[in-house]
Amino acid sequence: MRELKFRAWNGREMLYEFGFYHDSFGTFPKVNEGFKHLASLPKGELDFPFHVMQFAGLFDTSSKPIYEGDIIQDEEGDIYQICWSETDAAFRGELLDENGKFCDEFGMGDLFGLVIGNIYETDIEKLLKA
């Protein structure tokens, strides 16, 4: 069985190793021990959406964990975004075309490459120029 891990983008930084806490207002991400606890942030800091991404259960060619939202470059130079497919109930790779749009899905078993960024912190236009 694969390990269930998550990360979250809070609009400013990627948060790793967090869980969730529940209260009467809903469910919120919280950073685990050793990391900044989100509840200790100043008032108003939680007024932005968290984008939660799940570990895909695979590693790139440098043994880095692959998460939903990661951008991978394969040996041929093609660039893919890792996403969850509701239709297939599986993680997939969407190919980045020359117009900066992700299209054409590929199964994760067909993708071998290096994580070069993620959809929140990486400038897609710079990737197209490279």
N, C-alpha and C. Protein backbone atom coordinates (compact mmCIF):
# COMPACT_ATOMS: atom_id res chain seq x y z
N MET A 1 0.84 -1.17 0.00
CA MET A 1 0.00 0.00 0.00
C MET A 1 0.89 1.24 0.00
N ARG A 2 0.53 2.23 -0.81
CA ARG A 2 1.35 3.43 -0.88
C ARG A 2 1.06 4.38 0.28
N GLU A 3 2.04 5.18 0.58
CA GLU A 3 1.92 6.14 1.67
C GLU A 3 1.04 7.31 1.25
N LEU A 4 0.12 7.72 2.11
CA LEU A 4 -0.71 8.89 1.84
C LEU A 4 -0.05 10.11 2.45
N LYS A 5 0.39 11.02 1.57
CA LYS A 5 1.00 12.27 2.01
C LYS A 5 0.36 13.39 1.22
N PHE A 6 0.36 14.57 1.80
CA PHE A 6 -0.21 15.73 1.13
C PHE A 6 0.73 16.92 1.30
N ARG A 7 0.56 17.89 0.42
CA ARG A 7 1.19 19.19 0.57
C ARG A 7 0.13 20.22 0.21
N ALA A 8 0.37 21.48 0.56
CA ALA A 8 -0.61 22.52 0.25
C ALA A 8 0.10 23.80 -0.17
N TRP A 9 -0.46 24.47 -1.15
CA TRP A 9 0.00 25.80 -1.58
C TRP A 9 -0.94 26.80 -0.94
N ASN A 10 -0.37 27.75 -0.19
CA ASN A 10 -1.22 28.72 0.52
C ASN A 10 -1.21 30.09 -0.15
N GLY A 11 -0.69 30.17 -1.35
CA GLY A 11 -0.63 31.44 -2.06
C GLY A 11 0.72 32.12 -1.92
N ARG A 12 1.53 31.65 -0.97
CA ARG A 12 2.85 32.22 -0.75
C ARG A 12 3.96 31.18 -0.69
N GLU A 13 3.63 30.01 -0.16
CA GLU A 13 4.65 28.97 0.00
C GLU A 13 4.00 27.59 -0.04
N MET A 14 4.83 26.60 -0.36
CA MET A 14 4.38 25.22 -0.36
C MET A 14 4.60 24.65 1.04
N LEU A 15 3.55 24.08 1.61
CA LEU A 15 3.61 23.50 2.95
C LEU A 15 3.62 21.99 2.81
N TYR A 16 4.58 21.35 3.44
CA TYR A 16 4.69 19.90 3.40
C TYR A 16 4.39 19.32 4.76
N GLU A 17 4.11 18.02 4.79
CA GLU A 17 3.89 17.26 6.02
C GLU A 17 2.84 17.90 6.90
N PHE A 18 1.65 18.01 6.39
CA PHE A 18 0.56 18.57 7.18
C PHE A 18 -0.59 17.60 7.21
N GLY A 19 -1.47 17.83 8.15
CA GLY A 19 -2.68 17.04 8.26
C GLY A 19 -3.87 17.97 8.23
N PHE A 20 -4.96 17.55 8.81
CA PHE A 20 -6.16 18.36 8.85
C PHE A 20 -6.68 18.42 10.27
N TYR A 21 -7.33 19.51 10.60
CA TYR A 21 -8.06 19.54 11.86
C TYR A 21 -9.48 20.00 11.57
N HIS A 22 -10.40 19.55 12.39
CA HIS A 22 -11.81 19.81 12.18
C HIS A 22 -12.35 20.60 13.37
N ASP A 23 -13.15 21.60 13.07
CA ASP A 23 -13.87 22.30 14.13
C ASP A 23 -15.25 22.67 13.60
N SER A 24 -15.98 23.47 14.33
CA SER A 24 -17.34 23.80 13.94
C SER A 24 -17.42 24.65 12.67
N PHE A 25 -16.27 25.22 12.24
CA PHE A 25 -16.24 26.05 11.05
C PHE A 25 -15.87 25.27 9.80
N GLY A 26 -15.40 24.03 9.97
CA GLY A 26 -15.03 23.24 8.81
C GLY A 26 -13.75 22.48 9.01
N THR A 27 -13.13 22.09 7.90
CA THR A 27 -11.88 21.34 7.91
C THR A 27 -10.77 22.23 7.37
N PHE A 28 -9.65 22.26 8.08
CA PHE A 28 -8.54 23.13 7.71
C PHE A 28 -7.24 22.36 7.73
N PRO A 29 -6.28 22.74 6.86
CA PRO A 29 -4.97 22.09 6.92
C PRO A 29 -4.19 22.58 8.13
N LYS A 30 -3.37 21.71 8.69
CA LYS A 30 -2.47 22.11 9.77
C LYS A 30 -1.12 21.47 9.52
N VAL A 31 -0.08 22.19 9.78
CA VAL A 31 1.27 21.68 9.59
C VAL A 31 1.64 20.83 10.79
N ASN A 32 2.23 19.66 10.55
CA ASN A 32 2.59 18.76 11.64
C ASN A 32 3.75 19.29 12.48
N GLU A 33 4.08 18.59 13.53
CA GLU A 33 5.13 18.98 14.45
C GLU A 33 6.42 19.29 13.70
N GLY A 34 7.14 20.29 14.18
CA GLY A 34 8.38 20.69 13.54
C GLY A 34 8.16 21.75 12.48
N PHE A 35 6.92 22.04 12.15
CA PHE A 35 6.58 23.05 11.16
C PHE A 35 5.66 24.08 11.80
N LYS A 36 5.54 25.22 11.17
CA LYS A 36 4.65 26.28 11.66
C LYS A 36 3.21 25.79 11.68
N HIS A 37 2.54 25.89 12.81
CA HIS A 37 1.15 25.48 12.93
C HIS A 37 0.27 26.59 12.36
N LEU A 38 -0.60 26.27 11.43
CA LEU A 38 -1.40 27.28 10.75
C LEU A 38 -2.30 28.06 11.70
N ALA A 39 -2.74 27.42 12.78
CA ALA A 39 -3.62 28.11 13.72
C ALA A 39 -2.89 29.23 14.45
N SER A 40 -1.56 29.22 14.45
CA SER A 40 -0.79 30.26 15.14
C SER A 40 -0.53 31.47 14.25
N LEU A 41 -0.98 31.42 13.00
CA LEU A 41 -0.78 32.55 12.10
C LEU A 41 -1.62 33.75 12.55
N PRO A 42 -1.15 34.97 12.27
CA PRO A 42 -1.93 36.16 12.65
C PRO A 42 -3.31 36.16 12.02
N LYS A 43 -4.25 36.84 12.68
CA LYS A 43 -5.63 36.92 12.19
C LYS A 43 -5.63 37.42 10.75
N GLY A 44 -6.41 36.79 9.91
CA GLY A 44 -6.49 37.18 8.51
C GLY A 44 -5.59 36.38 7.60
N GLU A 45 -4.62 35.68 8.15
CA GLU A 45 -3.70 34.91 7.33
C GLU A 45 -4.38 33.72 6.65
N LEU A 46 -5.49 33.25 7.19
CA LEU A 46 -6.17 32.11 6.60
C LEU A 46 -7.31 32.54 5.66
N ASP A 47 -7.30 33.80 5.24
CA ASP A 47 -8.35 34.32 4.37
C ASP A 47 -8.07 34.05 2.89
N PHE A 48 -7.26 33.06 2.59
CA PHE A 48 -6.97 32.71 1.22
C PHE A 48 -7.17 31.20 1.06
N PRO A 49 -7.41 30.74 -0.15
CA PRO A 49 -7.66 29.30 -0.32
C PRO A 49 -6.36 28.50 -0.22
N PHE A 50 -6.46 27.30 0.30
CA PHE A 50 -5.36 26.35 0.28
C PHE A 50 -5.62 25.39 -0.86
N HIS A 51 -4.59 25.12 -1.64
CA HIS A 51 -4.69 24.16 -2.73
C HIS A 51 -3.96 22.90 -2.27
N VAL A 52 -4.71 21.86 -1.96
CA VAL A 52 -4.14 20.63 -1.42
C VAL A 52 -3.81 19.67 -2.56
N MET A 53 -2.61 19.09 -2.51
CA MET A 53 -2.15 18.16 -3.53
C MET A 53 -1.70 16.86 -2.87
N GLN A 54 -2.05 15.74 -3.46
CA GLN A 54 -1.73 14.44 -2.91
C GLN A 54 -0.47 13.85 -3.56
N PHE A 55 0.30 13.13 -2.78
CA PHE A 55 1.45 12.36 -3.27
C PHE A 55 0.92 11.30 -4.22
N ALA A 56 1.52 11.19 -5.41
CA ALA A 56 1.05 10.26 -6.43
C ALA A 56 1.52 8.83 -6.17
N GLY A 57 2.38 8.63 -5.19
CA GLY A 57 2.87 7.29 -4.90
C GLY A 57 4.06 6.89 -5.74
N LEU A 58 4.60 7.83 -6.52
CA LEU A 58 5.74 7.56 -7.40
C LEU A 58 6.85 8.58 -7.14
N PHE A 59 8.03 8.26 -7.65
CA PHE A 59 9.20 9.13 -7.50
C PHE A 59 9.78 9.43 -8.87
N ASP A 60 10.40 10.60 -9.00
CA ASP A 60 11.01 10.94 -10.28
C ASP A 60 12.37 10.24 -10.41
N THR A 61 13.11 10.55 -11.48
CA THR A 61 14.38 9.86 -11.75
C THR A 61 15.46 10.21 -10.73
N SER A 62 15.25 11.25 -9.90
CA SER A 62 16.22 11.58 -8.85
C SER A 62 15.69 11.19 -7.47
N SER A 63 14.66 10.34 -7.44
CA SER A 63 14.04 9.83 -6.21
C SER A 63 13.24 10.87 -5.43
N LYS A 64 12.87 11.96 -6.08
CA LYS A 64 12.02 12.98 -5.46
C LYS A 64 10.56 12.54 -5.56
N PRO A 65 9.77 12.67 -4.47
CA PRO A 65 8.36 12.29 -4.55
C PRO A 65 7.60 13.15 -5.56
N ILE A 66 6.68 12.52 -6.27
CA ILE A 66 5.85 13.23 -7.26
C ILE A 66 4.49 13.49 -6.65
N TYR A 67 4.07 14.76 -6.66
CA TYR A 67 2.78 15.17 -6.14
C TYR A 67 1.89 15.67 -7.27
N GLU A 68 0.60 15.60 -7.05
CA GLU A 68 -0.37 16.25 -7.92
C GLU A 68 0.06 17.71 -8.06
N GLY A 69 0.03 18.25 -9.27
CA GLY A 69 0.43 19.63 -9.50
C GLY A 69 1.89 19.80 -9.88
N ASP A 70 2.69 18.72 -9.78
CA ASP A 70 4.10 18.81 -10.17
C ASP A 70 4.22 18.91 -11.68
N ILE A 71 5.32 19.48 -12.12
CA ILE A 71 5.64 19.55 -13.54
C ILE A 71 6.87 18.68 -13.75
N ILE A 72 6.77 17.77 -14.70
CA ILE A 72 7.83 16.80 -14.96
C ILE A 72 8.33 16.98 -16.39
N GLN A 73 9.64 16.87 -16.56
CA GLN A 73 10.22 16.87 -17.90
C GLN A 73 10.80 15.48 -18.15
N ASP A 74 10.40 14.86 -19.27
CA ASP A 74 10.89 13.52 -19.56
C ASP A 74 12.21 13.57 -20.32
N GLU A 75 12.76 12.39 -20.63
CA GLU A 75 14.06 12.30 -21.29
C GLU A 75 14.07 12.94 -22.67
N GLU A 76 12.91 13.04 -23.30
CA GLU A 76 12.81 13.63 -24.63
C GLU A 76 12.58 15.14 -24.59
N GLY A 77 12.46 15.71 -23.38
CA GLY A 77 12.26 17.14 -23.24
C GLY A 77 10.81 17.56 -23.15
N ASP A 78 9.87 16.60 -23.26
CA ASP A 78 8.45 16.93 -23.13
C ASP A 78 8.13 17.26 -21.68
N ILE A 79 7.18 18.17 -21.49
CA ILE A 79 6.82 18.64 -20.16
C ILE A 79 5.38 18.26 -19.87
N TYR A 80 5.16 17.74 -18.65
CA TYR A 80 3.85 17.26 -18.23
C TYR A 80 3.46 17.85 -16.88
N GLN A 81 2.18 18.04 -16.70
CA GLN A 81 1.62 18.39 -15.39
C GLN A 81 0.97 17.14 -14.83
N ILE A 82 1.24 16.83 -13.56
CA ILE A 82 0.61 15.69 -12.91
C ILE A 82 -0.74 16.13 -12.35
N CYS A 83 -1.78 15.40 -12.69
CA CYS A 83 -3.12 15.76 -12.24
C CYS A 83 -3.92 14.49 -11.93
N TRP A 84 -5.01 14.68 -11.23
CA TRP A 84 -5.91 13.58 -10.90
C TRP A 84 -6.99 13.52 -11.96
N SER A 85 -7.22 12.35 -12.51
CA SER A 85 -8.28 12.14 -13.50
C SER A 85 -9.48 11.52 -12.80
N GLU A 86 -10.58 12.26 -12.73
CA GLU A 86 -11.81 11.74 -12.15
C GLU A 86 -12.34 10.56 -12.98
N THR A 87 -12.18 10.66 -14.29
CA THR A 87 -12.67 9.61 -15.19
C THR A 87 -11.96 8.28 -14.94
N ASP A 88 -10.64 8.34 -14.83
CA ASP A 88 -9.84 7.13 -14.65
C ASP A 88 -9.60 6.78 -13.19
N ALA A 89 -9.93 7.69 -12.28
CA ALA A 89 -9.63 7.51 -10.85
C ALA A 89 -8.16 7.17 -10.66
N ALA A 90 -7.31 7.99 -11.31
CA ALA A 90 -5.87 7.76 -11.27
C ALA A 90 -5.13 9.06 -11.56
N PHE A 91 -3.87 9.12 -11.14
CA PHE A 91 -3.04 10.26 -11.51
C PHE A 91 -2.61 10.10 -12.95
N ARG A 92 -2.56 11.22 -13.68
CA ARG A 92 -2.20 11.23 -15.09
C ARG A 92 -1.21 12.37 -15.33
N GLY A 93 -0.57 12.34 -16.47
CA GLY A 93 0.29 13.43 -16.91
C GLY A 93 -0.34 14.10 -18.10
N GLU A 94 -0.47 15.44 -18.03
CA GLU A 94 -1.01 16.19 -19.18
C GLU A 94 0.16 16.88 -19.87
N LEU A 95 0.29 16.66 -21.16
CA LEU A 95 1.38 17.21 -21.96
C LEU A 95 1.21 18.71 -22.16
N LEU A 96 2.29 19.47 -21.99
CA LEU A 96 2.29 20.92 -22.24
C LEU A 96 2.55 21.13 -23.73
N ASP A 97 1.61 21.82 -24.41
CA ASP A 97 1.81 22.07 -25.83
C ASP A 97 2.55 23.39 -26.05
N GLU A 98 2.83 23.72 -27.30
CA GLU A 98 3.61 24.92 -27.63
C GLU A 98 2.88 26.22 -27.30
N ASN A 99 1.59 26.17 -27.02
CA ASN A 99 0.80 27.35 -26.66
C ASN A 99 0.70 27.54 -25.15
N GLY A 100 1.37 26.69 -24.38
CA GLY A 100 1.33 26.80 -22.93
C GLY A 100 0.10 26.19 -22.30
N LYS A 101 -0.58 25.33 -23.02
CA LYS A 101 -1.78 24.65 -22.51
C LYS A 101 -1.45 23.19 -22.27
N PHE A 102 -2.03 22.64 -21.20
CA PHE A 102 -1.85 21.22 -20.92
C PHE A 102 -2.97 20.45 -21.60
N CYS A 103 -2.62 19.40 -22.33
CA CYS A 103 -3.59 18.61 -23.08
C CYS A 103 -3.12 17.15 -23.09
N ASP A 104 -3.72 16.30 -23.87
CA ASP A 104 -3.30 14.91 -24.05
C ASP A 104 -2.80 14.25 -22.77
N GLU A 105 -3.64 13.43 -22.17
CA GLU A 105 -3.28 12.75 -20.94
C GLU A 105 -2.50 11.47 -21.21
N PHE A 106 -1.55 11.18 -20.33
CA PHE A 106 -0.77 9.95 -20.37
C PHE A 106 -0.81 9.30 -19.00
N GLY A 107 -0.81 7.99 -18.97
CA GLY A 107 -0.78 7.28 -17.69
C GLY A 107 0.53 7.48 -16.98
N MET A 108 0.51 7.48 -15.66
CA MET A 108 1.72 7.70 -14.88
C MET A 108 2.77 6.64 -15.14
N GLY A 109 2.35 5.43 -15.49
CA GLY A 109 3.31 4.37 -15.78
C GLY A 109 4.13 4.65 -17.02
N ASP A 110 3.64 5.54 -17.87
CA ASP A 110 4.34 5.89 -19.11
C ASP A 110 5.30 7.06 -18.93
N LEU A 111 5.28 7.70 -17.77
CA LEU A 111 6.09 8.90 -17.55
C LEU A 111 7.32 8.59 -16.72
N PHE A 112 8.47 8.93 -17.26
CA PHE A 112 9.72 8.84 -16.52
C PHE A 112 10.43 10.16 -16.74
N GLY A 113 10.76 10.84 -15.69
CA GLY A 113 11.44 12.12 -15.85
C GLY A 113 11.76 12.74 -14.51
N LEU A 114 12.04 14.02 -14.58
CA LEU A 114 12.50 14.79 -13.44
C LEU A 114 11.48 15.86 -13.08
N VAL A 115 11.17 16.00 -11.79
CA VAL A 115 10.29 17.09 -11.34
C VAL A 115 11.08 18.39 -11.51
N ILE A 116 10.53 19.31 -12.29
CA ILE A 116 11.22 20.59 -12.53
C ILE A 116 10.45 21.77 -11.94
N GLY A 117 9.36 21.50 -11.24
CA GLY A 117 8.59 22.57 -10.62
C GLY A 117 7.19 22.10 -10.32
N ASN A 118 6.32 23.09 -10.10
CA ASN A 118 4.91 22.79 -9.87
C ASN A 118 4.08 23.92 -10.46
N ILE A 119 2.78 23.71 -10.55
CA ILE A 119 1.92 24.66 -11.24
C ILE A 119 1.75 25.98 -10.50
N TYR A 120 2.15 26.05 -9.23
CA TYR A 120 1.99 27.27 -8.46
C TYR A 120 3.26 28.12 -8.41
N GLU A 121 4.41 27.50 -8.48
CA GLU A 121 5.67 28.24 -8.30
C GLU A 121 6.50 28.34 -9.57
N THR A 122 6.11 27.67 -10.63
CA THR A 122 6.91 27.62 -11.84
C THR A 122 6.27 28.46 -12.94
N ASP A 123 7.08 29.28 -13.60
CA ASP A 123 6.62 30.11 -14.70
C ASP A 123 6.57 29.27 -15.98
N ILE A 124 5.37 28.93 -16.43
CA ILE A 124 5.18 28.07 -17.60
C ILE A 124 5.77 28.72 -18.86
N GLU A 125 5.64 30.04 -18.99
CA GLU A 125 6.18 30.72 -20.18
C GLU A 125 7.69 30.55 -20.28
N LYS A 126 8.39 30.58 -19.15
CA LYS A 126 9.84 30.37 -19.17
C LYS A 126 10.18 28.96 -19.60
N LEU A 127 9.35 28.00 -19.21
CA LEU A 127 9.59 26.60 -19.62
C LEU A 127 9.45 26.47 -21.15
N LEU A 128 8.51 27.19 -21.72
CA LEU A 128 8.30 27.12 -23.17
C LEU A 128 9.47 27.71 -23.93
N LYS A 129 10.10 28.75 -23.37
CA LYS A 129 11.24 29.41 -24.03
C LYS A 129 12.52 28.60 -23.92
N ALA A 130 12.59 27.75 -22.89
CA ALA A 130 13.83 27.00 -22.64
C ALA A 130 14.03 25.87 -23.64
